[in-house]
Amino acid sequence: MQSTGISTVVTAETVAALKQLVIDVTQLKISPDEISNTANLFNDCGLDSTSVVELVIALEQQFKITIDEDELDVRLFQDLSKLGTFIEAKQAAN
């Protein structure tokens, strides 16, 4: 488990699921273990504006959450752990 610095710990299960979704959306030919828990999804994983939309849809389906447009912020995708914290907060709010 990775501490995010926001006094929340992202579960290993969430991190693993996020890594697999990123691989699926970006079509990277790597294993989830090759993605750092603090990976910048744009610089390290090749995420672009089109794949962000695909990733948001995949996140909503995988984690059974709704992400509103006003919640989308580029900083959310700059650190895998931050994205995990956001996802878990959304799940807790449901």
C-alpha atoms as a PDB file:
ATOM      1  CA  MET A   1       0.000   0.000   0.000  1.00  0.00           C
ATOM      2  CA  GLN A   2       1.182   3.464  -0.843  1.00  0.00           C
ATOM      3  CA  SER A   3       0.683   6.576   1.284  1.00  0.00           C
ATOM      4  CA  THR A   4      -0.562   9.528  -0.736  1.00  0.00           C
ATOM      5  CA  GLY A   5       0.395  12.268   1.683  1.00  0.00           C
ATOM      6  CA  ILE A   6      -3.272  13.157   2.140  1.00  0.00           C
ATOM      7  CA  SER A   7      -3.559  11.037   5.290  1.00  0.00           C
ATOM      8  CA  THR A   8      -5.210   8.307   3.264  1.00  0.00           C
ATOM      9  CA  VAL A   9      -3.781   4.976   2.211  1.00  0.00           C
ATOM     10  CA  VAL A  10      -4.789   3.629  -1.167  1.00  0.00           C
ATOM     11  CA  THR A  11      -5.452  -0.094  -1.038  1.00  0.00           C
ATOM     12  CA  ALA A  12      -3.263  -2.439  -3.035  1.00  0.00           C
ATOM     13  CA  GLU A  13      -6.419  -3.729  -4.732  1.00  0.00           C
ATOM     14  CA  THR A  14      -7.305  -0.246  -6.013  1.00  0.00           C
ATOM     15  CA  VAL A  15      -3.757   0.402  -7.221  1.00  0.00           C
ATOM     16  CA  ALA A  16      -3.638  -2.950  -9.034  1.00  0.00           C
ATOM     17  CA  ALA A  17      -6.992  -2.306 -10.722  1.00  0.00           C
ATOM     18  CA  LEU A  18      -5.910   1.206 -11.759  1.00  0.00           C
ATOM     19  CA  LYS A  19      -2.671  -0.084 -13.244  1.00  0.00           C
ATOM     20  CA  GLN A  20      -4.528  -2.709 -15.272  1.00  0.00           C
ATOM     21  CA  LEU A  21      -7.065  -0.143 -16.523  1.00  0.00           C
ATOM     22  CA  VAL A  22      -4.258   2.193 -17.592  1.00  0.00           C
ATOM     23  CA  ILE A  23      -2.577  -0.650 -19.473  1.00  0.00           C
ATOM     24  CA  ASP A  24      -5.854  -1.610 -21.146  1.00  0.00           C
ATOM     25  CA  VAL A  25      -6.730   1.965 -22.164  1.00  0.00           C
ATOM     26  CA  THR A  26      -3.265   2.990 -23.355  1.00  0.00           C
ATOM     27  CA  GLN A  27      -2.526  -0.452 -24.824  1.00  0.00           C
ATOM     28  CA  LEU A  28       0.883  -0.523 -23.172  1.00  0.00           C
ATOM     29  CA  LYS A  29       2.789  -3.756 -23.636  1.00  0.00           C
ATOM     30  CA  ILE A  30       4.056  -3.904 -20.039  1.00  0.00           C
ATOM     31  CA  SER A  31       3.067  -5.614 -16.824  1.00  0.00           C
ATOM     32  CA  PRO A  32       1.289  -3.713 -14.027  1.00  0.00           C
ATOM     33  CA  ASP A  33       4.410  -4.148 -11.861  1.00  0.00           C
ATOM     34  CA  GLU A  34       6.321  -1.899 -14.267  1.00  0.00           C
ATOM     35  CA  ILE A  35       4.073   1.061 -13.409  1.00  0.00           C
ATOM     36  CA  SER A  36       5.099   2.995 -10.305  1.00  0.00           C
ATOM     37  CA  ASN A  37       2.439   3.753  -7.696  1.00  0.00           C
ATOM     38  CA  THR A  38       3.288   7.413  -8.204  1.00  0.00           C
ATOM     39  CA  ALA A  39       3.460   7.245 -12.009  1.00  0.00           C
ATOM     40  CA  ASN A  40       2.435  10.330 -13.965  1.00  0.00           C
ATOM     41  CA  LEU A  41      -0.169   8.831 -16.278  1.00  0.00           C
ATOM     42  CA  PHE A  42       0.607  11.337 -19.051  1.00  0.00           C
ATOM     43  CA  ASN A  43       4.409  11.248 -18.999  1.00  0.00           C
ATOM     44  CA  ASP A  44       5.016   7.689 -17.814  1.00  0.00           C
ATOM     45  CA  CYS A  45       2.083   5.819 -19.349  1.00  0.00           C
ATOM     46  CA  GLY A  46       1.275   7.704 -22.541  1.00  0.00           C
ATOM     47  CA  LEU A  47      -2.173   8.917 -21.497  1.00  0.00           C
ATOM     48  CA  ASP A  48      -3.544  11.611 -23.831  1.00  0.00           C
ATOM     49  CA  SER A  49      -6.789  13.578 -24.111  1.00  0.00           C
ATOM     50  CA  THR A  50      -8.584  10.780 -25.963  1.00  0.00           C
ATOM     51  CA  SER A  51      -7.456   8.083 -23.584  1.00  0.00           C
ATOM     52  CA  VAL A  52      -8.455  10.207 -20.569  1.00  0.00           C
ATOM     53  CA  VAL A  53     -12.066   9.953 -21.739  1.00  0.00           C
ATOM     54  CA  GLU A  54     -11.717   6.194 -22.166  1.00  0.00           C
ATOM     55  CA  LEU A  55     -10.073   5.880 -18.756  1.00  0.00           C
ATOM     56  CA  VAL A  56     -12.816   7.882 -17.025  1.00  0.00           C
ATOM     57  CA  ILE A  57     -15.469   5.612 -18.537  1.00  0.00           C
ATOM     58  CA  ALA A  58     -13.486   2.531 -17.489  1.00  0.00           C
ATOM     59  CA  LEU A  59     -13.037   3.926 -13.957  1.00  0.00           C
ATOM     60  CA  GLU A  60     -16.761   4.574 -13.624  1.00  0.00           C
ATOM     61  CA  GLN A  61     -17.583   1.041 -14.753  1.00  0.00           C
ATOM     62  CA  GLN A  62     -14.856  -0.751 -12.784  1.00  0.00           C
ATOM     63  CA  PHE A  63     -15.390   1.080  -9.507  1.00  0.00           C
ATOM     64  CA  LYS A  64     -19.144   1.735  -9.887  1.00  0.00           C
ATOM     65  CA  ILE A  65     -18.772   5.494  -9.407  1.00  0.00           C
ATOM     66  CA  THR A  66     -19.801   8.610 -11.292  1.00  0.00           C
ATOM     67  CA  ILE A  67     -17.182  11.230 -12.082  1.00  0.00           C
ATOM     68  CA  ASP A  68     -18.676  14.642 -12.802  1.00  0.00           C
ATOM     69  CA  GLU A  69     -17.061  16.960 -15.351  1.00  0.00           C
ATOM     70  CA  ASP A  70     -16.275  19.521 -12.671  1.00  0.00           C
ATOM     71  CA  GLU A  71     -14.254  16.875 -10.791  1.00  0.00           C
ATOM     72  CA  LEU A  72     -11.945  16.230 -13.727  1.00  0.00           C
ATOM     73  CA  ASP A  73      -8.621  17.926 -13.200  1.00  0.00           C
ATOM     74  CA  VAL A  74      -5.370  17.194 -15.008  1.00  0.00           C
ATOM     75  CA  ARG A  75      -3.638  16.922 -11.617  1.00  0.00           C
ATOM     76  CA  LEU A  76      -5.808  13.912 -10.828  1.00  0.00           C
ATOM     77  CA  PHE A  77      -4.039  11.943 -13.563  1.00  0.00           C
ATOM     78  CA  GLN A  78      -0.518  13.089 -12.718  1.00  0.00           C
ATOM     79  CA  ASP A  79      -0.097  10.598  -9.888  1.00  0.00           C
ATOM     80  CA  LEU A  80      -1.570   7.102  -9.753  1.00  0.00           C
ATOM     81  CA  SER A  81      -1.882   7.262  -5.965  1.00  0.00           C
ATOM     82  CA  LYS A  82      -3.820  10.543  -6.128  1.00  0.00           C
ATOM     83  CA  LEU A  83      -6.196   8.971  -8.609  1.00  0.00           C
ATOM     84  CA  GLY A  84      -6.572   5.990  -6.270  1.00  0.00           C
ATOM     85  CA  THR A  85      -7.357   8.278  -3.338  1.00  0.00           C
ATOM     86  CA  PHE A  86      -9.975  10.064  -5.449  1.00  0.00           C
ATOM     87  CA  ILE A  87     -11.562   6.752  -6.501  1.00  0.00           C
ATOM     88  CA  GLU A  88     -11.731   5.429  -2.937  1.00  0.00           C
ATOM     89  CA  ALA A  89     -13.226   8.718  -1.694  1.00  0.00           C
ATOM     90  CA  LYS A  90     -15.898   8.494  -4.409  1.00  0.00           C
ATOM     91  CA  GLN A  91     -16.675   4.904  -3.398  1.00  0.00           C
ATOM     92  CA  ALA A  92     -16.937   5.865   0.275  1.00  0.00           C
ATOM     93  CA  ALA A  93     -19.332   8.696  -0.589  1.00  0.00           C
ATOM     94  CA  ASN A  94     -21.716   6.310  -2.401  1.00  0.00           C
END
